[in-house]
Amino acid sequence: MPIAVCGALCSCSFGVAPVPLVVPPKFPVLAAGLPLATIMDFIPMVNIATFGMCSTISNPTVAAATAAAFGVLTPMPCVPAIVAPWIPAKPTCLLSGIPV
């Protein structure tokens, strides 16, 4: 069963660089000496840093910059927009009642 730990690389198909997942050691359970992640470790700029520059037109700042450049796609700084918990790989594997 795959699990995620602190430092696992996250990526966005519209970003330019992967970033490590940040998991504070809130539970006394480790895997390979690293804190385990739960589905609740999804908070932008807390658990997931910026992916560098964003190139999706659905990002309001990219859309505005692209419009200002007369339709030429203009990447802008990324602010992750993750709005829901991760989907668990195995919802029966729990850590303090939260799927890992």
PDB file of N, CA and C in Angstrom:
ATOM      1  N   MET A   1       0.840  -1.176   0.000  1.00  0.00           N
ATOM      2  CA  MET A   1       0.000   0.000   0.000  1.00  0.00           C
ATOM      3  C   MET A   1       0.886   1.240   0.000  1.00  0.00           C
ATOM      4  N   PRO A   2       0.662   2.165  -0.929  1.00  0.00           N
ATOM      5  CA  PRO A   2       1.451   3.394  -0.931  1.00  0.00           C
ATOM      6  C   PRO A   2       0.990   4.333   0.185  1.00  0.00           C
ATOM      7  N   ILE A   3       1.942   4.955   0.823  1.00  0.00           N
ATOM      8  CA  ILE A   3       1.641   5.979   1.823  1.00  0.00           C
ATOM      9  C   ILE A   3       2.512   7.181   1.532  1.00  0.00           C
ATOM     10  N   ALA A   4       2.097   8.315   2.008  1.00  0.00           N
ATOM     11  CA  ALA A   4       2.884   9.531   1.830  1.00  0.00           C
ATOM     12  C   ALA A   4       3.469   9.928   3.176  1.00  0.00           C
ATOM     13  N   VAL A   5       4.691  10.418   3.134  1.00  0.00           N
ATOM     14  CA  VAL A   5       5.365  10.887   4.336  1.00  0.00           C
ATOM     15  C   VAL A   5       5.860  12.304   4.099  1.00  0.00           C
ATOM     16  N   CYS A   6       6.281  12.943   5.148  1.00  0.00           N
ATOM     17  CA  CYS A   6       6.872  14.277   5.040  1.00  0.00           C
ATOM     18  C   CYS A   6       8.019  14.223   4.044  1.00  0.00           C
ATOM     19  N   GLY A   7       8.018  15.125   3.097  1.00  0.00           N
ATOM     20  CA  GLY A   7       9.072  15.170   2.086  1.00  0.00           C
ATOM     21  C   GLY A   7       8.686  14.535   0.776  1.00  0.00           C
ATOM     22  N   ALA A   8       7.542  13.831   0.720  1.00  0.00           N
ATOM     23  CA  ALA A   8       7.085  13.252  -0.547  1.00  0.00           C
ATOM     24  C   ALA A   8       6.896  14.383  -1.553  1.00  0.00           C
ATOM     25  N   LEU A   9       7.306  14.156  -2.792  1.00  0.00           N
ATOM     26  CA  LEU A   9       7.201  15.211  -3.796  1.00  0.00           C
ATOM     27  C   LEU A   9       5.794  15.316  -4.357  1.00  0.00           C
ATOM     28  N   CYS A  10       5.296  16.543  -4.399  1.00  0.00           N
ATOM     29  CA  CYS A  10       3.995  16.856  -4.990  1.00  0.00           C
ATOM     30  C   CYS A  10       4.256  17.671  -6.244  1.00  0.00           C
ATOM     31  N   SER A  11       3.402  17.495  -7.243  1.00  0.00           N
ATOM     32  CA  SER A  11       3.561  18.296  -8.447  1.00  0.00           C
ATOM     33  C   SER A  11       2.201  18.727  -8.971  1.00  0.00           C
ATOM     34  N   CYS A  12       2.218  19.744  -9.783  1.00  0.00           N
ATOM     35  CA  CYS A  12       1.017  20.264 -10.435  1.00  0.00           C
ATOM     36  C   CYS A  12       1.313  20.302 -11.925  1.00  0.00           C
ATOM     37  N   SER A  13       0.378  19.866 -12.724  1.00  0.00           N
ATOM     38  CA  SER A  13       0.606  19.846 -14.171  1.00  0.00           C
ATOM     39  C   SER A  13       0.724  21.248 -14.757  1.00  0.00           C
ATOM     40  N   PHE A  14       0.354  22.281 -14.003  1.00  0.00           N
ATOM     41  CA  PHE A  14       0.476  23.652 -14.491  1.00  0.00           C
ATOM     42  C   PHE A  14       1.607  24.422 -13.820  1.00  0.00           C
ATOM     43  N   GLY A  15       2.308  23.787 -12.863  1.00  0.00           N
ATOM     44  CA  GLY A  15       3.430  24.429 -12.188  1.00  0.00           C
ATOM     45  C   GLY A  15       4.739  24.067 -12.857  1.00  0.00           C
ATOM     46  N   VAL A  16       5.829  24.692 -12.438  1.00  0.00           N
ATOM     47  CA  VAL A  16       7.126  24.432 -13.062  1.00  0.00           C
ATOM     48  C   VAL A  16       8.045  23.551 -12.235  1.00  0.00           C
ATOM     49  N   ALA A  17       7.724  23.349 -10.955  1.00  0.00           N
ATOM     50  CA  ALA A  17       8.638  22.571 -10.117  1.00  0.00           C
ATOM     51  C   ALA A  17       7.876  21.781  -9.056  1.00  0.00           C
ATOM     52  N   PRO A  18       8.318  20.552  -8.790  1.00  0.00           N
ATOM     53  CA  PRO A  18       7.701  19.803  -7.688  1.00  0.00           C
ATOM     54  C   PRO A  18       8.136  20.382  -6.347  1.00  0.00           C
ATOM     55  N   VAL A  19       7.322  20.147  -5.329  1.00  0.00           N
ATOM     56  CA  VAL A  19       7.658  20.626  -3.989  1.00  0.00           C
ATOM     57  C   VAL A  19       7.448  19.492  -2.986  1.00  0.00           C
ATOM     58  N   PRO A  20       8.225  19.473  -1.907  1.00  0.00           N
ATOM     59  CA  PRO A  20       8.026  18.434  -0.893  1.00  0.00           C
ATOM     60  C   PRO A  20       6.795  18.723  -0.033  1.00  0.00           C
ATOM     61  N   LEU A  21       6.082  17.670   0.312  1.00  0.00           N
ATOM     62  CA  LEU A  21       4.944  17.763   1.211  1.00  0.00           C
ATOM     63  C   LEU A  21       5.473  18.024   2.622  1.00  0.00           C
ATOM     64  N   VAL A  22       4.870  18.949   3.312  1.00  0.00           N
ATOM     65  CA  VAL A  22       5.262  19.282   4.682  1.00  0.00           C
ATOM     66  C   VAL A  22       4.231  18.659   5.622  1.00  0.00           C
ATOM     67  N   VAL A  23       4.697  17.774   6.485  1.00  0.00           N
ATOM     68  CA  VAL A  23       3.819  17.109   7.444  1.00  0.00           C
ATOM     69  C   VAL A  23       4.383  17.342   8.840  1.00  0.00           C
ATOM     70  N   PRO A  24       3.723  18.170   9.634  1.00  0.00           N
ATOM     71  CA  PRO A  24       4.218  18.377  10.994  1.00  0.00           C
ATOM     72  C   PRO A  24       4.084  17.080  11.797  1.00  0.00           C
ATOM     73  N   PRO A  25       5.007  16.820  12.701  1.00  0.00           N
ATOM     74  CA  PRO A  25       4.964  15.569  13.484  1.00  0.00           C
ATOM     75  C   PRO A  25       3.882  15.617  14.564  1.00  0.00           C
ATOM     76  N   LYS A  26       2.618  15.531  14.148  1.00  0.00           N
ATOM     77  CA  LYS A  26       1.517  15.629  15.106  1.00  0.00           C
ATOM     78  C   LYS A  26       1.100  14.292  15.694  1.00  0.00           C
ATOM     79  N   PHE A  27       1.536  13.183  15.069  1.00  0.00           N
ATOM     80  CA  PHE A  27       1.235  11.846  15.573  1.00  0.00           C
ATOM     81  C   PHE A  27       2.556  11.138  15.866  1.00  0.00           C
ATOM     82  N   PRO A  28       2.586  10.269  16.859  1.00  0.00           N
ATOM     83  CA  PRO A  28       3.842   9.578  17.195  1.00  0.00           C
ATOM     84  C   PRO A  28       4.100   8.346  16.309  1.00  0.00           C
ATOM     85  N   VAL A  29       3.639   8.402  15.051  1.00  0.00           N
ATOM     86  CA  VAL A  29       3.821   7.288  14.122  1.00  0.00           C
ATOM     87  C   VAL A  29       4.689   7.761  12.964  1.00  0.00           C
ATOM     88  N   LEU A  30       5.755   7.001  12.706  1.00  0.00           N
ATOM     89  CA  LEU A  30       6.679   7.366  11.632  1.00  0.00           C
ATOM     90  C   LEU A  30       6.802   6.212  10.645  1.00  0.00           C
ATOM     91  N   ALA A  31       7.179   6.538   9.429  1.00  0.00           N
ATOM     92  CA  ALA A  31       7.522   5.536   8.417  1.00  0.00           C
ATOM     93  C   ALA A  31       8.887   5.935   7.890  1.00  0.00           C
ATOM     94  N   ALA A  32       9.847   5.051   7.982  1.00  0.00           N
ATOM     95  CA  ALA A  32      11.229   5.340   7.587  1.00  0.00           C
ATOM     96  C   ALA A  32      11.751   6.581   8.313  1.00  0.00           C
ATOM     97  N   GLY A  33      11.304   6.786   9.544  1.00  0.00           N
ATOM     98  CA  GLY A  33      11.766   7.917  10.344  1.00  0.00           C
ATOM     99  C   GLY A  33      11.110   9.245  10.022  1.00  0.00           C
ATOM    100  N   LEU A  34      10.088   9.233   9.154  1.00  0.00           N
ATOM    101  CA  LEU A  34       9.425  10.474   8.747  1.00  0.00           C
ATOM    102  C   LEU A  34       7.958  10.451   9.163  1.00  0.00           C
ATOM    103  N   PRO A  35       7.399  11.622   9.513  1.00  0.00           N
ATOM    104  CA  PRO A  35       5.983  11.673   9.881  1.00  0.00           C
ATOM    105  C   PRO A  35       5.089  11.232   8.721  1.00  0.00           C
ATOM    106  N   LEU A  36       4.063  10.440   9.037  1.00  0.00           N
ATOM    107  CA  LEU A  36       3.086  10.009   8.047  1.00  0.00           C
ATOM    108  C   LEU A  36       2.139  11.151   7.707  1.00  0.00           C
ATOM    109  N   ALA A  37       1.728  11.201   6.453  1.00  0.00           N
ATOM    110  CA  ALA A  37       0.737  12.185   6.027  1.00  0.00           C
ATOM    111  C   ALA A  37      -0.650  11.553   6.102  1.00  0.00           C
ATOM    112  N   THR A  38      -1.643  12.379   6.394  1.00  0.00           N
ATOM    113  CA  THR A  38      -3.033  11.945   6.338  1.00  0.00           C
ATOM    114  C   THR A  38      -3.719  12.714   5.213  1.00  0.00           C
ATOM    115  N   ILE A  39      -4.967  12.361   4.945  1.00  0.00           N
ATOM    116  CA  ILE A  39      -5.689  13.063   3.880  1.00  0.00           C
ATOM    117  C   ILE A  39      -5.926  14.529   4.224  1.00  0.00           C
ATOM    118  N   MET A  40      -5.741  14.889   5.487  1.00  0.00           N
ATOM    119  CA  MET A  40      -5.962  16.274   5.909  1.00  0.00           C
ATOM    120  C   MET A  40      -4.736  17.168   5.726  1.00  0.00           C
ATOM    121  N   ASP A  41      -3.618  16.608   5.289  1.00  0.00           N
ATOM    122  CA  ASP A  41      -2.399  17.404   5.059  1.00  0.00           C
ATOM    123  C   ASP A  41      -2.402  17.960   3.632  1.00  0.00           C
ATOM    124  N   PHE A  42      -3.358  18.848   3.358  1.00  0.00           N
ATOM    125  CA  PHE A  42      -3.523  19.387   2.014  1.00  0.00           C
ATOM    126  C   PHE A  42      -3.577  20.913   1.978  1.00  0.00           C
ATOM    127  N   ILE A  43      -3.280  21.570   3.071  1.00  0.00           N
ATOM    128  CA  ILE A  43      -3.482  23.017   3.167  1.00  0.00           C
ATOM    129  C   ILE A  43      -2.414  23.776   2.367  1.00  0.00           C
ATOM    130  N   PRO A  44      -2.861  24.583   1.368  1.00  0.00           N
ATOM    131  CA  PRO A  44      -1.920  25.364   0.563  1.00  0.00           C
ATOM    132  C   PRO A  44      -1.077  26.300   1.433  1.00  0.00           C
ATOM    133  N   MET A  45       0.191  26.384   1.094  1.00  0.00           N
ATOM    134  CA  MET A  45       1.186  27.231   1.740  1.00  0.00           C
ATOM    135  C   MET A  45       1.495  26.788   3.177  1.00  0.00           C
ATOM    136  N   VAL A  46       0.862  25.722   3.674  1.00  0.00           N
ATOM    137  CA  VAL A  46       1.203  25.124   4.957  1.00  0.00           C
ATOM    138  C   VAL A  46       1.816  23.755   4.688  1.00  0.00           C
ATOM    139  N   ASN A  47       1.039  22.873   4.049  1.00  0.00           N
ATOM    140  CA  ASN A  47       1.536  21.548   3.689  1.00  0.00           C
ATOM    141  C   ASN A  47       2.123  21.524   2.280  1.00  0.00           C
ATOM    142  N   ILE A  48       1.652  22.419   1.425  1.00  0.00           N
ATOM    143  CA  ILE A  48       2.077  22.429   0.027  1.00  0.00           C
ATOM    144  C   ILE A  48       2.527  23.839  -0.335  1.00  0.00           C
ATOM    145  N   ALA A  49       3.798  23.964  -0.656  1.00  0.00           N
ATOM    146  CA  ALA A  49       4.352  25.263  -1.030  1.00  0.00           C
ATOM    147  C   ALA A  49       4.016  25.574  -2.485  1.00  0.00           C
ATOM    148  N   THR A  50       4.472  26.686  -2.948  1.00  0.00           N
ATOM    149  CA  THR A  50       4.247  27.095  -4.332  1.00  0.00           C
ATOM    150  C   THR A  50       4.972  26.181  -5.321  1.00  0.00           C
ATOM    151  N   PHE A  51       4.362  25.954  -6.461  1.00  0.00           N
ATOM    152  CA  PHE A  51       4.968  25.150  -7.525  1.00  0.00           C
ATOM    153  C   PHE A  51       5.753  26.040  -8.500  1.00  0.00           C
ATOM    154  N   GLY A  52       6.090  27.219  -8.073  1.00  0.00           N
ATOM    155  CA  GLY A  52       6.846  28.144  -8.932  1.00  0.00           C
ATOM    156  C   GLY A  52       5.896  29.039  -9.704  1.00  0.00           C
ATOM    157  N   MET A  53       5.959  28.958 -11.006  1.00  0.00           N
ATOM    158  CA  MET A  53       5.089  29.756 -11.867  1.00  0.00           C
ATOM    159  C   MET A  53       3.927  28.891 -12.349  1.00  0.00           C
ATOM    160  N   CYS A  54       2.757  29.497 -12.451  1.00  0.00           N
ATOM    161  CA  CYS A  54       1.536  28.808 -12.863  1.00  0.00           C
ATOM    162  C   CYS A  54       1.199  29.194 -14.299  1.00  0.00           C
ATOM    163  N   SER A  55       0.768  28.203 -15.081  1.00  0.00           N
ATOM    164  CA  SER A  55       0.450  28.492 -16.487  1.00  0.00           C
ATOM    165  C   SER A  55      -0.967  28.081 -16.883  1.00  0.00           C
ATOM    166  N   THR A  56      -1.885  27.972 -15.905  1.00  0.00           N
ATOM    167  CA  THR A  56      -3.263  27.656 -16.282  1.00  0.00           C
ATOM    168  C   THR A  56      -4.100  28.921 -16.366  1.00  0.00           C
ATOM    169  N   ILE A  57      -4.855  29.011 -17.417  1.00  0.00           N
ATOM    170  CA  ILE A  57      -5.690  30.187 -17.627  1.00  0.00           C
ATOM    171  C   ILE A  57      -6.837  30.238 -16.614  1.00  0.00           C
ATOM    172  N   SER A  58      -7.106  29.126 -15.910  1.00  0.00           N
ATOM    173  CA  SER A  58      -8.148  29.143 -14.881  1.00  0.00           C
ATOM    174  C   SER A  58      -7.685  29.837 -13.598  1.00  0.00           C
ATOM    175  N   ASN A  59      -6.388  30.132 -13.500  1.00  0.00           N
ATOM    176  CA  ASN A  59      -5.857  30.917 -12.384  1.00  0.00           C
ATOM    177  C   ASN A  59      -6.160  32.387 -12.697  1.00  0.00           C
ATOM    178  N   PRO A  60      -6.895  33.082 -11.824  1.00  0.00           N
ATOM    179  CA  PRO A  60      -7.277  34.472 -12.116  1.00  0.00           C
ATOM    180  C   PRO A  60      -6.096  35.401 -12.415  1.00  0.00           C
ATOM    181  N   THR A  61      -4.968  35.217 -11.743  1.00  0.00           N
ATOM    182  CA  THR A  61      -3.835  36.111 -12.026  1.00  0.00           C
ATOM    183  C   THR A  61      -3.217  35.808 -13.387  1.00  0.00           C
ATOM    184  N   VAL A  62      -3.196  34.541 -13.775  1.00  0.00           N
ATOM    185  CA  VAL A  62      -2.696  34.179 -15.110  1.00  0.00           C
ATOM    186  C   VAL A  62      -3.656  34.712 -16.169  1.00  0.00           C
ATOM    187  N   ALA A  63      -4.953  34.568 -15.931  1.00  0.00           N
ATOM    188  CA  ALA A  63      -5.952  35.066 -16.884  1.00  0.00           C
ATOM    189  C   ALA A  63      -5.823  36.573 -17.075  1.00  0.00           C
ATOM    190  N   ALA A  64      -5.651  37.307 -15.974  1.00  0.00           N
ATOM    191  CA  ALA A  64      -5.527  38.761 -16.066  1.00  0.00           C
ATOM    192  C   ALA A  64      -4.244  39.160 -16.789  1.00  0.00           C
ATOM    193  N   ALA A  65      -3.141  38.507 -16.456  1.00  0.00           N
ATOM    194  CA  ALA A  65      -1.869  38.829 -17.111  1.00  0.00           C
ATOM    195  C   ALA A  65      -1.919  38.468 -18.593  1.00  0.00           C
ATOM    196  N   THR A  66      -2.569  37.358 -18.930  1.00  0.00           N
ATOM    197  CA  THR A  66      -2.697  36.947 -20.327  1.00  0.00           C
ATOM    198  C   THR A  66      -3.572  37.930 -21.090  1.00  0.00           C
ATOM    199  N   ALA A  67      -4.658  38.382 -20.476  1.00  0.00           N
ATOM    200  CA  ALA A  67      -5.515  39.381 -21.121  1.00  0.00           C
ATOM    201  C   ALA A  67      -4.748  40.684 -21.343  1.00  0.00           C
ATOM    202  N   ALA A  68      -3.948  41.080 -20.348  1.00  0.00           N
ATOM    203  CA  ALA A  68      -3.156  42.310 -20.468  1.00  0.00           C
ATOM    204  C   ALA A  68      -2.086  42.186 -21.550  1.00  0.00           C
ATOM    205  N   ALA A  69      -1.681  40.936 -21.852  1.00  0.00           N
ATOM    206  CA  ALA A  69      -0.665  40.697 -22.889  1.00  0.00           C
ATOM    207  C   ALA A  69      -1.337  40.348 -24.219  1.00  0.00           C
ATOM    208  N   PHE A  70      -2.597  40.776 -24.372  1.00  0.00           N
ATOM    209  CA  PHE A  70      -3.346  40.584 -25.618  1.00  0.00           C
ATOM    210  C   PHE A  70      -3.433  39.120 -26.040  1.00  0.00           C
ATOM    211  N   GLY A  71      -3.670  38.241 -25.048  1.00  0.00           N
ATOM    212  CA  GLY A  71      -3.896  36.831 -25.329  1.00  0.00           C
ATOM    213  C   GLY A  71      -2.672  35.949 -25.311  1.00  0.00           C
ATOM    214  N   VAL A  72      -1.500  36.513 -25.083  1.00  0.00           N
ATOM    215  CA  VAL A  72      -0.285  35.708 -24.997  1.00  0.00           C
ATOM    216  C   VAL A  72      -0.210  35.137 -23.578  1.00  0.00           C
ATOM    217  N   LEU A  73      -0.196  33.791 -23.482  1.00  0.00           N
ATOM    218  CA  LEU A  73      -0.163  33.163 -22.166  1.00  0.00           C
ATOM    219  C   LEU A  73       0.996  33.724 -21.345  1.00  0.00           C
ATOM    220  N   THR A  74       0.658  34.225 -20.155  1.00  0.00           N
ATOM    221  CA  THR A  74       1.645  34.853 -19.284  1.00  0.00           C
ATOM    222  C   THR A  74       1.607  34.175 -17.921  1.00  0.00           C
ATOM    223  N   PRO A  75       2.548  33.246 -17.660  1.00  0.00           N
ATOM    224  CA  PRO A  75       2.581  32.584 -16.357  1.00  0.00           C
ATOM    225  C   PRO A  75       2.760  33.591 -15.219  1.00  0.00           C
ATOM    226  N   MET A  76       2.184  33.251 -14.088  1.00  0.00           N
ATOM    227  CA  MET A  76       2.262  34.092 -12.899  1.00  0.00           C
ATOM    228  C   MET A  76       2.626  33.206 -11.705  1.00  0.00           C
ATOM    229  N   PRO A  77       3.052  33.811 -10.577  1.00  0.00           N
ATOM    230  CA  PRO A  77       3.411  33.004  -9.403  1.00  0.00           C
ATOM    231  C   PRO A  77       2.257  32.104  -8.954  1.00  0.00           C
ATOM    232  N   CYS A  78       2.616  30.914  -8.567  1.00  0.00           N
ATOM    233  CA  CYS A  78       1.640  29.899  -8.147  1.00  0.00           C
ATOM    234  C   CYS A  78       1.261  30.080  -6.684  1.00  0.00           C
ATOM    235  N   VAL A  79      -0.025  29.959  -6.429  1.00  0.00           N
ATOM    236  CA  VAL A  79      -0.552  29.797  -5.082  1.00  0.00           C
ATOM    237  C   VAL A  79      -1.457  28.574  -5.184  1.00  0.00           C
ATOM    238  N   PRO A  80      -1.051  27.434  -4.606  1.00  0.00           N
ATOM    239  CA  PRO A  80      -1.856  26.217  -4.751  1.00  0.00           C
ATOM    240  C   PRO A  80      -3.311  26.443  -4.347  1.00  0.00           C
ATOM    241  N   ALA A  81      -4.214  25.837  -5.101  1.00  0.00           N
ATOM    242  CA  ALA A  81      -5.648  26.001  -4.859  1.00  0.00           C
ATOM    243  C   ALA A  81      -6.299  24.651  -4.573  1.00  0.00           C
ATOM    244  N   ILE A  82      -5.775  23.951  -3.599  1.00  0.00           N
ATOM    245  CA  ILE A  82      -6.318  22.652  -3.222  1.00  0.00           C
ATOM    246  C   ILE A  82      -7.423  22.912  -2.211  1.00  0.00           C
ATOM    247  N   VAL A  83      -8.628  22.456  -2.521  1.00  0.00           N
ATOM    248  CA  VAL A  83      -9.777  22.827  -1.695  1.00  0.00           C
ATOM    249  C   VAL A  83     -10.398  21.671  -0.920  1.00  0.00           C
ATOM    250  N   ALA A  84      -9.882  20.461  -1.110  1.00  0.00           N
ATOM    251  CA  ALA A  84     -10.469  19.303  -0.427  1.00  0.00           C
ATOM    252  C   ALA A  84      -9.365  18.343  -0.014  1.00  0.00           C
ATOM    253  N   PRO A  85      -9.640  17.509   0.978  1.00  0.00           N
ATOM    254  CA  PRO A  85      -8.634  16.525   1.408  1.00  0.00           C
ATOM    255  C   PRO A  85      -8.232  15.591   0.265  1.00  0.00           C
ATOM    256  N   TRP A  86      -7.038  15.008   0.407  1.00  0.00           N
ATOM    257  CA  TRP A  86      -6.561  14.023  -0.558  1.00  0.00           C
ATOM    258  C   TRP A  86      -7.524  12.839  -0.577  1.00  0.00           C
ATOM    259  N   ILE A  87      -7.557  12.116  -1.669  1.00  0.00           N
ATOM    260  CA  ILE A  87      -8.348  10.891  -1.745  1.00  0.00           C
ATOM    261  C   ILE A  87      -7.463   9.765  -1.220  1.00  0.00           C
ATOM    262  N   PRO A  88      -7.906   9.054  -0.173  1.00  0.00           N
ATOM    263  CA  PRO A  88      -7.036   8.030   0.418  1.00  0.00           C
ATOM    264  C   PRO A  88      -6.844   6.827  -0.501  1.00  0.00           C
ATOM    265  N   ALA A  89      -5.623   6.295  -0.501  1.00  0.00           N
ATOM    266  CA  ALA A  89      -5.328   5.099  -1.283  1.00  0.00           C
ATOM    267  C   ALA A  89      -6.018   3.894  -0.666  1.00  0.00           C
ATOM    268  N   LYS A  90      -6.046   3.860   0.642  1.00  0.00           N
ATOM    269  CA  LYS A  90      -6.694   2.754   1.353  1.00  0.00           C
ATOM    270  C   LYS A  90      -7.415   3.352   2.563  1.00  0.00           C
ATOM    271  N   PRO A  91      -8.712   3.630   2.422  1.00  0.00           N
ATOM    272  CA  PRO A  91      -9.418   4.327   3.502  1.00  0.00           C
ATOM    273  C   PRO A  91      -9.524   3.547   4.812  1.00  0.00           C
ATOM    274  N   THR A  92      -9.117   2.288   4.822  1.00  0.00           N
ATOM    275  CA  THR A  92      -9.169   1.526   6.070  1.00  0.00           C
ATOM    276  C   THR A  92      -7.885   1.645   6.883  1.00  0.00           C
ATOM    277  N   CYS A  93      -6.858   2.270   6.327  1.00  0.00           N
ATOM    278  CA  CYS A  93      -5.608   2.505   7.061  1.00  0.00           C
ATOM    279  C   CYS A  93      -5.720   3.873   7.717  1.00  0.00           C
ATOM    280  N   LEU A  94      -5.906   3.874   9.031  1.00  0.00           N
ATOM    281  CA  LEU A  94      -6.205   5.126   9.758  1.00  0.00           C
ATOM    282  C   LEU A  94      -5.087   5.489  10.726  1.00  0.00           C
ATOM    283  N   LEU A  95      -4.949   6.778  10.942  1.00  0.00           N
ATOM    284  CA  LEU A  95      -4.023   7.326  11.922  1.00  0.00           C
ATOM    285  C   LEU A  95      -4.836   8.299  12.782  1.00  0.00           C
ATOM    286  N   SER A  96      -5.113   7.897  14.004  1.00  0.00           N
ATOM    287  CA  SER A  96      -5.997   8.663  14.899  1.00  0.00           C
ATOM    288  C   SER A  96      -7.348   8.935  14.232  1.00  0.00           C
ATOM    289  N   GLY A  97      -7.860   7.934  13.526  1.00  0.00           N
ATOM    290  CA  GLY A  97      -9.171   8.042  12.893  1.00  0.00           C
ATOM    291  C   GLY A  97      -9.185   8.727  11.544  1.00  0.00           C
ATOM    292  N   ILE A  98      -8.034   9.159  11.046  1.00  0.00           N
ATOM    293  CA  ILE A  98      -7.943   9.871   9.765  1.00  0.00           C
ATOM    294  C   ILE A  98      -7.212   8.958   8.768  1.00  0.00           C
ATOM    295  N   PRO A  99      -7.775   8.755   7.566  1.00  0.00           N
ATOM    296  CA  PRO A  99      -7.080   7.929   6.587  1.00  0.00           C
ATOM    297  C   PRO A  99      -5.703   8.495   6.217  1.00  0.00           C
ATOM    298  N   VAL A 100      -4.734   7.585   6.054  1.00  0.00           N
ATOM    299  CA  VAL A 100      -3.380   8.004   5.632  1.00  0.00           C
ATOM    300  C   VAL A 100      -3.285   7.990   4.128  1.00  0.00           C
TER     301      VAL A 100
END
